């Protein structure tokens, strides 16, 4: 019993010694208040590396964001102005293109009309010169035809002369055909004032009224153009014949 009490006391004594040792260690390791205050003052004077890194990062990140936010409206306005200016330039260029195109079309049309007009004038002039030249030759053709119809050669010598000038006549007619000259064939056709010139009229019941009975002077065409109108004799309706009964009736009325 006494041993148990001694053991209990020894245990209590060891616990007390242990707690005292712990307090002594804590008192030795824990700094006093003055030391803590001095450490805080020194720390405030010399910032740590972490604080040095955090502060500039915060400033660098914040400034571009604010600058970008402030620059967005300016950039949008500048972009709108640039687009408006480009649109205006495009519209101006379109108007210039349309104006130049219209001018080109008018010039091209004027040139085409000028070309057609000059070509027609050239063709008309050539046709006019050709017609005037051919008209001067037509009386020569008339004389050859008149000689052929009137002259009747009697001897061999006269026949040779006749053949010689008839060959010239044939050559002249062939030349006229090659340039497009064609004689009119008027006899038996209806009188046409665009082609014929009536110089004589003859009453007859053998031909319908207005029919060309005889061609006195031959007419000629150059293509569809009249070189010379044909001089013709035109049939007219015969006058009514008065019978003896009609004469008697006339005398009775008188």
C-alpha atoms as a PDB file:
ATOM      1  CA  UNK A   1       0.000   0.000   0.000  1.00  0.00           C
ATOM      2  CA  UNK A   2       2.785   2.285   0.931  1.00  0.00           C
ATOM      3  CA  UNK A   3       4.532   1.421  -2.338  1.00  0.00           C
ATOM      4  CA  UNK A   4       1.517   2.381  -4.374  1.00  0.00           C
ATOM      5  CA  UNK A   5       1.350   5.757  -2.689  1.00  0.00           C
ATOM      6  CA  UNK A   6       5.053   6.280  -3.356  1.00  0.00           C
ATOM      7  CA  UNK A   7       4.580   5.425  -7.035  1.00  0.00           C
ATOM      8  CA  UNK A   8       1.659   7.845  -7.327  1.00  0.00           C
ATOM      9  CA  UNK A   9       3.697  10.652  -5.825  1.00  0.00           C
ATOM     10  CA  UNK A  10       6.596   9.937  -8.131  1.00  0.00           C
ATOM     11  CA  UNK A  11       4.234  10.058 -11.134  1.00  0.00           C
ATOM     12  CA  UNK A  12       2.778  13.398 -10.035  1.00  0.00           C
ATOM     13  CA  UNK A  13       6.238  14.758  -9.473  1.00  0.00           C
ATOM     14  CA  UNK A  14       7.369  13.701 -12.990  1.00  0.00           C
ATOM     15  CA  UNK A  15       4.303  15.334 -14.583  1.00  0.00           C
ATOM     16  CA  UNK A  16       5.031  18.534 -12.680  1.00  0.00           C
ATOM     17  CA  UNK A  17       8.616  18.520 -13.865  1.00  0.00           C
ATOM     18  CA  UNK A  18       7.516  17.883 -17.428  1.00  0.00           C
ATOM     19  CA  UNK A  19       5.067  20.821 -17.453  1.00  0.00           C
ATOM     20  CA  UNK A  20       7.712  23.101 -16.017  1.00  0.00           C
ATOM     21  CA  UNK A  21      10.154  22.033 -18.717  1.00  0.00           C
ATOM     22  CA  UNK A  22       7.541  22.730 -21.424  1.00  0.00           C
ATOM     23  CA  UNK A  23       6.811  26.203 -20.051  1.00  0.00           C
ATOM     24  CA  UNK A  24      10.506  26.943 -19.881  1.00  0.00           C
ATOM     25  CA  UNK A  25      10.975  25.857 -23.510  1.00  0.00           C
ATOM     26  CA  UNK A  26       7.989  27.943 -24.671  1.00  0.00           C
ATOM     27  CA  UNK A  27       9.275  30.936 -22.771  1.00  0.00           C
ATOM     28  CA  UNK A  28      12.655  30.524 -24.380  1.00  0.00           C
ATOM     29  CA  UNK A  29      11.268  30.072 -27.947  1.00  0.00           C
ATOM     30  CA  UNK A  30       8.419  32.634 -27.894  1.00  0.00           C
ATOM     31  CA  UNK A  31       9.667  36.222 -28.515  1.00  0.00           C
ATOM     32  CA  UNK A  32       8.552  38.934 -26.218  1.00  0.00           C
ATOM     33  CA  UNK A  33       6.221  41.744 -27.322  1.00  0.00           C
ATOM     34  CA  UNK A  34       9.040  44.211 -27.876  1.00  0.00           C
ATOM     35  CA  UNK A  35      10.778  41.843 -30.206  1.00  0.00           C
ATOM     36  CA  UNK A  36       7.548  41.232 -32.184  1.00  0.00           C
ATOM     37  CA  UNK A  37       6.900  44.973 -32.495  1.00  0.00           C
ATOM     38  CA  UNK A  38      10.429  45.619 -33.731  1.00  0.00           C
ATOM     39  CA  UNK A  39      10.084  42.831 -36.267  1.00  0.00           C
ATOM     40  CA  UNK A  40       6.821  44.319 -37.604  1.00  0.00           C
ATOM     41  CA  UNK A  41       8.407  47.766 -37.944  1.00  0.00           C
ATOM     42  CA  UNK A  42      11.359  46.323 -39.852  1.00  0.00           C
ATOM     43  CA  UNK A  43       8.984  44.333 -42.084  1.00  0.00           C
ATOM     44  CA  UNK A  44       6.994  47.465 -42.875  1.00  0.00           C
ATOM     45  CA  UNK A  45      10.166  49.303 -43.861  1.00  0.00           C
ATOM     46  CA  UNK A  46      11.377  46.458 -46.106  1.00  0.00           C
ATOM     47  CA  UNK A  47       8.487  44.945 -48.095  1.00  0.00           C
ATOM     48  CA  UNK A  48       8.655  41.291 -48.915  1.00  0.00           C
ATOM     49  CA  UNK A  49       9.264  39.900 -52.395  1.00  0.00           C
ATOM     50  CA  UNK A  50       5.648  38.798 -52.580  1.00  0.00           C
ATOM     51  CA  UNK A  51       4.370  42.333 -52.025  1.00  0.00           C
ATOM     52  CA  UNK A  52       6.855  43.684 -54.538  1.00  0.00           C
ATOM     53  CA  UNK A  53       5.560  41.243 -57.161  1.00  0.00           C
ATOM     54  CA  UNK A  54       1.885  41.769 -56.438  1.00  0.00           C
ATOM     55  CA  UNK A  55       1.807  45.563 -56.629  1.00  0.00           C
ATOM     56  CA  UNK A  56       3.351  46.044 -60.116  1.00  0.00           C
ATOM     57  CA  UNK A  57       1.309  43.178 -61.547  1.00  0.00           C
ATOM     58  CA  UNK A  58      -1.854  44.840 -60.305  1.00  0.00           C
ATOM     59  CA  UNK A  59      -0.849  48.143 -61.898  1.00  0.00           C
ATOM     60  CA  UNK A  60       0.264  46.577 -65.217  1.00  0.00           C
ATOM     61  CA  UNK A  61      -2.917  44.564 -65.563  1.00  0.00           C
ATOM     62  CA  UNK A  62      -5.255  47.385 -64.598  1.00  0.00           C
ATOM     63  CA  UNK A  63      -3.810  50.075 -66.859  1.00  0.00           C
ATOM     64  CA  UNK A  64      -4.140  48.228 -70.262  1.00  0.00           C
ATOM     65  CA  UNK A  65      -7.696  47.176 -69.475  1.00  0.00           C
ATOM     66  CA  UNK A  66      -8.681  50.737 -68.696  1.00  0.00           C
ATOM     67  CA  UNK A  67      -6.808  52.052 -71.768  1.00  0.00           C
ATOM     68  CA  UNK A  68      -8.404  49.448 -74.013  1.00  0.00           C
ATOM     69  CA  UNK A  69     -11.858  50.247 -72.663  1.00  0.00           C
ATOM     70  CA  UNK A  70     -11.247  53.950 -73.253  1.00  0.00           C
ATOM     71  CA  UNK A  71      -9.840  53.345 -76.764  1.00  0.00           C
ATOM     72  CA  UNK A  72     -12.750  51.204 -78.001  1.00  0.00           C
ATOM     73  CA  UNK A  73     -15.186  54.106 -78.632  1.00  0.00           C
ATOM     74  CA  UNK A  74     -12.447  56.104 -80.368  1.00  0.00           C
ATOM     75  CA  UNK A  75     -11.524  53.186 -82.604  1.00  0.00           C
ATOM     76  CA  UNK A  76     -15.190  52.511 -83.408  1.00  0.00           C
ATOM     77  CA  UNK A  77     -15.746  56.161 -84.325  1.00  0.00           C
ATOM     78  CA  UNK A  78     -12.606  56.222 -86.470  1.00  0.00           C
ATOM     79  CA  UNK A  79     -13.685  53.019 -88.194  1.00  0.00           C
ATOM     80  CA  UNK A  80     -17.142  54.459 -88.876  1.00  0.00           C
ATOM     81  CA  UNK A  81     -15.611  57.616 -90.343  1.00  0.00           C
ATOM     82  CA  UNK A  82     -13.275  55.548 -92.527  1.00  0.00           C
ATOM     83  CA  UNK A  83     -16.167  53.404 -93.776  1.00  0.00           C
ATOM     84  CA  UNK A  84     -18.258  56.488 -94.509  1.00  0.00           C
ATOM     85  CA  UNK A  85     -15.373  58.083 -96.403  1.00  0.00           C
ATOM     86  CA  UNK A  86     -14.754  54.916 -98.421  1.00  0.00           C
ATOM     87  CA  UNK A  87     -18.470  54.618 -99.193  1.00  0.00           C
ATOM     88  CA  UNK A  88     -18.513  58.208-100.415  1.00  0.00           C
ATOM     89  CA  UNK A  89     -15.469  57.572-102.575  1.00  0.00           C
ATOM     90  CA  UNK A  90     -17.087  54.448-104.038  1.00  0.00           C
ATOM     91  CA  UNK A  91     -20.279  56.351-104.861  1.00  0.00           C
ATOM     92  CA  UNK A  92     -18.232  59.129-106.442  1.00  0.00           C
ATOM     93  CA  UNK A  93     -16.291  56.621-108.523  1.00  0.00           C
ATOM     94  CA  UNK A  94     -19.527  54.915-109.578  1.00  0.00           C
ATOM     95  CA  UNK A  95     -20.944  58.255-110.708  1.00  0.00           C
ATOM     96  CA  UNK A  96     -17.768  58.990-112.660  1.00  0.00           C
ATOM     97  CA  UNK A  97     -17.858  55.554-114.285  1.00  0.00           C
ATOM     98  CA  UNK A  98     -21.508  56.022-115.281  1.00  0.00           C
ATOM     99  CA  UNK A  99     -20.753  59.465-116.676  1.00  0.00           C
ATOM    100  CA  UNK A 100     -17.747  58.217-118.641  1.00  0.00           C
ATOM    101  CA  UNK A 101     -19.733  55.225-119.877  1.00  0.00           C
ATOM    102  CA  UNK A 102     -22.513  57.514-121.074  1.00  0.00           C
ATOM    103  CA  UNK A 103     -20.003  59.742-122.830  1.00  0.00           C
ATOM    104  CA  UNK A 104     -18.375  56.727-124.451  1.00  0.00           C
ATOM    105  CA  UNK A 105     -21.722  55.372-125.631  1.00  0.00           C
ATOM    106  CA  UNK A 106     -22.684  58.750-127.103  1.00  0.00           C
ATOM    107  CA  UNK A 107     -19.327  59.110-128.827  1.00  0.00           C
ATOM    108  CA  UNK A 108     -19.546  55.549-130.163  1.00  0.00           C
ATOM    109  CA  UNK A 109     -23.091  56.182-131.442  1.00  0.00           C
ATOM    110  CA  UNK A 110     -22.041  59.465-133.051  1.00  0.00           C
ATOM    111  CA  UNK A 111     -19.061  57.803-134.672  1.00  0.00           C
ATOM    112  CA  UNK A 112     -21.200  54.931-135.946  1.00  0.00           C
ATOM    113  CA  UNK A 113     -23.733  57.376-137.377  1.00  0.00           C
ATOM    114  CA  UNK A 114     -20.906  59.380-138.932  1.00  0.00           C
ATOM    115  CA  UNK A 115     -19.430  56.234-140.451  1.00  0.00           C
ATOM    116  CA  UNK A 116     -22.782  55.151-141.871  1.00  0.00           C
ATOM    117  CA  UNK A 117     -23.503  58.638-143.168  1.00  0.00           C
ATOM    118  CA  UNK A 118     -20.127  58.992-144.858  1.00  0.00           C
ATOM    119  CA  UNK A 119     -20.428  55.498-146.309  1.00  0.00           C
ATOM    120  CA  UNK A 120     -23.861  56.311-147.712  1.00  0.00           C
ATOM    121  CA  UNK A 121     -22.634  59.632-149.065  1.00  0.00           C
ATOM    122  CA  UNK A 122     -19.717  57.851-150.696  1.00  0.00           C
ATOM    123  CA  UNK A 123     -21.997  55.243-152.249  1.00  0.00           C
ATOM    124  CA  UNK A 124     -24.431  57.917-153.409  1.00  0.00           C
ATOM    125  CA  UNK A 125     -21.602  59.910-154.956  1.00  0.00           C
ATOM    126  CA  UNK A 126     -20.249  56.842-156.727  1.00  0.00           C
ATOM    127  CA  UNK A 127     -23.740  55.988-157.926  1.00  0.00           C
ATOM    128  CA  UNK A 128     -24.315  59.532-159.085  1.00  0.00           C
ATOM    129  CA  UNK A 129     -21.063  59.623-161.038  1.00  0.00           C
ATOM    130  CA  UNK A 130     -21.814  56.229-162.528  1.00  0.00           C
ATOM    131  CA  UNK A 131     -25.339  57.234-163.494  1.00  0.00           C
ATOM    132  CA  UNK A 132     -24.276  60.506-165.076  1.00  0.00           C
ATOM    133  CA  UNK A 133     -21.598  58.699-167.094  1.00  0.00           C
ATOM    134  CA  UNK A 134     -23.979  55.990-168.251  1.00  0.00           C
ATOM    135  CA  UNK A 135     -26.682  58.501-169.154  1.00  0.00           C
ATOM    136  CA  UNK A 136     -24.191  60.212-171.461  1.00  0.00           C
ATOM    137  CA  UNK A 137     -23.575  56.870-173.194  1.00  0.00           C
ATOM    138  CA  UNK A 138     -27.229  55.967-173.716  1.00  0.00           C
ATOM    139  CA  UNK A 139     -27.698  58.175-176.830  1.00  0.00           C
ATOM    140  CA  UNK A 140     -24.786  56.287-178.411  1.00  0.00           C
ATOM    141  CA  UNK A 141     -26.602  53.031-177.744  1.00  0.00           C
ATOM    142  CA  UNK A 142     -29.770  54.535-179.258  1.00  0.00           C
ATOM    143  CA  UNK A 143     -27.905  55.452-182.432  1.00  0.00           C
ATOM    144  CA  UNK A 144     -26.499  51.953-182.776  1.00  0.00           C
ATOM    145  CA  UNK A 145     -29.960  50.442-182.375  1.00  0.00           C
ATOM    146  CA  UNK A 146     -31.473  52.916-184.816  1.00  0.00           C
ATOM    147  CA  UNK A 147     -28.818  52.142-187.392  1.00  0.00           C
ATOM    148  CA  UNK A 148     -29.301  48.422-186.986  1.00  0.00           C
ATOM    149  CA  UNK A 149     -33.040  48.695-187.542  1.00  0.00           C
ATOM    150  CA  UNK A 150     -32.905  51.140-190.458  1.00  0.00           C
ATOM    151  CA  UNK A 151     -29.838  50.186-192.434  1.00  0.00           C
ATOM    152  CA  UNK A 152     -30.254  47.185-194.704  1.00  0.00           C
ATOM    153  CA  UNK A 153     -26.929  46.222-196.227  1.00  0.00           C
ATOM    154  CA  UNK A 154     -27.154  45.238-199.900  1.00  0.00           C
ATOM    155  CA  UNK A 155     -23.615  44.267-200.766  1.00  0.00           C
ATOM    156  CA  UNK A 156     -20.909  42.289-199.052  1.00  0.00           C
ATOM    157  CA  UNK A 157     -18.989  45.455-198.339  1.00  0.00           C
ATOM    158  CA  UNK A 158     -22.027  47.024-196.664  1.00  0.00           C
ATOM    159  CA  UNK A 159     -22.553  43.821-194.705  1.00  0.00           C
ATOM    160  CA  UNK A 160     -18.960  43.935-193.459  1.00  0.00           C
ATOM    161  CA  UNK A 161     -19.414  47.535-192.339  1.00  0.00           C
ATOM    162  CA  UNK A 162     -22.687  46.626-190.667  1.00  0.00           C
ATOM    163  CA  UNK A 163     -21.081  43.751-188.780  1.00  0.00           C
ATOM    164  CA  UNK A 164     -18.156  45.895-187.669  1.00  0.00           C
ATOM    165  CA  UNK A 165     -20.222  48.591-185.957  1.00  0.00           C
ATOM    166  CA  UNK A 166     -22.625  45.991-184.620  1.00  0.00           C
ATOM    167  CA  UNK A 167     -19.693  44.322-182.871  1.00  0.00           C
ATOM    168  CA  UNK A 168     -18.855  47.688-181.279  1.00  0.00           C
ATOM    169  CA  UNK A 169     -22.497  48.009-180.249  1.00  0.00           C
ATOM    170  CA  UNK A 170     -22.469  44.549-178.703  1.00  0.00           C
ATOM    171  CA  UNK A 171     -19.266  45.324-176.788  1.00  0.00           C
ATOM    172  CA  UNK A 172     -20.796  48.541-175.430  1.00  0.00           C
ATOM    173  CA  UNK A 173     -23.965  46.734-174.332  1.00  0.00           C
ATOM    174  CA  UNK A 174     -21.909  44.049-172.583  1.00  0.00           C
ATOM    175  CA  UNK A 175     -19.991  46.731-170.652  1.00  0.00           C
ATOM    176  CA  UNK A 176     -23.257  48.316-169.530  1.00  0.00           C
ATOM    177  CA  UNK A 177     -24.559  44.954-168.358  1.00  0.00           C
ATOM    178  CA  UNK A 178     -21.444  44.345-166.285  1.00  0.00           C
ATOM    179  CA  UNK A 179     -21.953  47.585-164.335  1.00  0.00           C
ATOM    180  CA  UNK A 180     -25.608  46.699-163.675  1.00  0.00           C
ATOM    181  CA  UNK A 181     -27.428  48.513-166.466  1.00  0.00           C
ATOM    182  CA  UNK A 182     -30.526  46.763-167.801  1.00  0.00           C
ATOM    183  CA  UNK A 183     -32.956  47.888-170.539  1.00  0.00           C
ATOM    184  CA  UNK A 184     -36.660  48.133-169.778  1.00  0.00           C
ATOM    185  CA  UNK A 185     -39.131  45.877-171.553  1.00  0.00           C
ATOM    186  CA  UNK A 186     -42.205  48.067-171.678  1.00  0.00           C
ATOM    187  CA  UNK A 187     -44.351  46.860-174.594  1.00  0.00           C
ATOM    188  CA  UNK A 188     -47.494  45.025-173.482  1.00  0.00           C
ATOM    189  CA  UNK A 189     -47.130  46.131-169.847  1.00  0.00           C
ATOM    190  CA  UNK A 190     -49.302  48.496-167.878  1.00  0.00           C
ATOM    191  CA  UNK A 191     -48.256  52.112-167.965  1.00  0.00           C
ATOM    192  CA  UNK A 192     -46.215  53.052-164.883  1.00  0.00           C
ATOM    193  CA  UNK A 193     -45.421  56.754-164.415  1.00  0.00           C
ATOM    194  CA  UNK A 194     -42.380  55.779-162.336  1.00  0.00           C
ATOM    195  CA  UNK A 195     -40.897  54.005-165.351  1.00  0.00           C
ATOM    196  CA  UNK A 196     -42.621  55.382-168.417  1.00  0.00           C
ATOM    197  CA  UNK A 197     -43.207  58.723-170.047  1.00  0.00           C
ATOM    198  CA  UNK A 198     -46.322  58.776-172.256  1.00  0.00           C
ATOM    199  CA  UNK A 199     -45.547  60.833-175.375  1.00  0.00           C
ATOM    200  CA  UNK A 200     -48.384  59.426-177.505  1.00  0.00           C
ATOM    201  CA  UNK A 201     -51.830  57.946-176.949  1.00  0.00           C
ATOM    202  CA  UNK A 202     -53.779  55.784-179.325  1.00  0.00           C
ATOM    203  CA  UNK A 203     -57.391  54.738-179.119  1.00  0.00           C
ATOM    204  CA  UNK A 204     -57.694  51.014-179.654  1.00  0.00           C
ATOM    205  CA  UNK A 205     -59.818  48.114-178.599  1.00  0.00           C
ATOM    206  CA  UNK A 206     -57.055  45.577-179.193  1.00  0.00           C
ATOM    207  CA  UNK A 207     -55.268  46.429-175.931  1.00  0.00           C
ATOM    208  CA  UNK A 208     -56.715  47.296-172.528  1.00  0.00           C
ATOM    209  CA  UNK A 209     -56.734  50.951-171.682  1.00  0.00           C
ATOM    210  CA  UNK A 210     -53.454  52.075-170.085  1.00  0.00           C
ATOM    211  CA  UNK A 211     -51.345  49.419-171.787  1.00  0.00           C
ATOM    212  CA  UNK A 212     -48.053  50.367-173.427  1.00  0.00           C
ATOM    213  CA  UNK A 213     -48.518  49.737-177.138  1.00  0.00           C
ATOM    214  CA  UNK A 214     -45.102  50.770-178.401  1.00  0.00           C
ATOM    215  CA  UNK A 215     -41.755  51.743-176.904  1.00  0.00           C
ATOM    216  CA  UNK A 216     -40.487  54.744-178.843  1.00  0.00           C
ATOM    217  CA  UNK A 217     -37.304  55.335-176.811  1.00  0.00           C
ATOM    218  CA  UNK A 218     -36.003  52.564-174.624  1.00  0.00           C
ATOM    219  CA  UNK A 219     -35.643  53.169-170.897  1.00  0.00           C
ATOM    220  CA  UNK A 220     -32.830  51.884-168.709  1.00  0.00           C
ATOM    221  CA  UNK A 221     -32.372  50.865-165.076  1.00  0.00           C
ATOM    222  CA  UNK A 222     -29.274  50.761-162.887  1.00  0.00           C
ATOM    223  CA  UNK A 223     -30.224  48.211-160.293  1.00  0.00           C
ATOM    224  CA  UNK A 224     -33.571  49.569-159.068  1.00  0.00           C
ATOM    225  CA  UNK A 225     -32.764  53.157-159.995  1.00  0.00           C
ATOM    226  CA  UNK A 226     -34.213  54.636-163.174  1.00  0.00           C
ATOM    227  CA  UNK A 227     -31.512  55.985-165.457  1.00  0.00           C
ATOM    228  CA  UNK A 228     -33.913  57.072-168.146  1.00  0.00           C
ATOM    229  CA  UNK A 229     -37.680  56.779-168.441  1.00  0.00           C
ATOM    230  CA  UNK A 230     -38.982  54.921-171.454  1.00  0.00           C
ATOM    231  CA  UNK A 231     -40.888  57.060-173.951  1.00  0.00           C
ATOM    232  CA  UNK A 232     -43.975  55.067-174.905  1.00  0.00           C
ATOM    233  CA  UNK A 233     -47.285  55.085-176.742  1.00  0.00           C
ATOM    234  CA  UNK A 234     -50.222  54.223-174.473  1.00  0.00           C
ATOM    235  CA  UNK A 235     -53.554  52.647-175.449  1.00  0.00           C
ATOM    236  CA  UNK A 236     -56.763  54.490-174.656  1.00  0.00           C
ATOM    237  CA  UNK A 237     -60.395  53.412-174.886  1.00  0.00           C
ATOM    238  CA  UNK A 238     -61.907  53.995-178.324  1.00  0.00           C
ATOM    239  CA  UNK A 239     -64.566  56.648-178.677  1.00  0.00           C
ATOM    240  CA  UNK A 240     -68.150  55.340-178.964  1.00  0.00           C
ATOM    241  CA  UNK A 241     -69.419  55.029-182.574  1.00  0.00           C
ATOM    242  CA  UNK A 242     -72.670  56.863-183.275  1.00  0.00           C
ATOM    243  CA  UNK A 243     -75.141  54.648-185.222  1.00  0.00           C
ATOM    244  CA  UNK A 244     -77.793  55.841-187.678  1.00  0.00           C
ATOM    245  CA  UNK A 245     -80.612  55.336-185.147  1.00  0.00           C
ATOM    246  CA  UNK A 246     -78.825  57.559-182.718  1.00  0.00           C
ATOM    247  CA  UNK A 247     -78.379  60.160-185.491  1.00  0.00           C
ATOM    248  CA  UNK A 248     -82.108  60.027-186.222  1.00  0.00           C
ATOM    249  CA  UNK A 249     -82.955  60.341-182.556  1.00  0.00           C
ATOM    250  CA  UNK A 250     -80.663  63.342-182.333  1.00  0.00           C
ATOM    251  CA  UNK A 251     -82.342  65.004-185.301  1.00  0.00           C
ATOM    252  CA  UNK A 252     -85.794  64.340-183.792  1.00  0.00           C
ATOM    253  CA  UNK A 253     -84.789  65.956-180.575  1.00  0.00           C
ATOM    254  CA  UNK A 254     -83.541  68.948-182.528  1.00  0.00           C
END
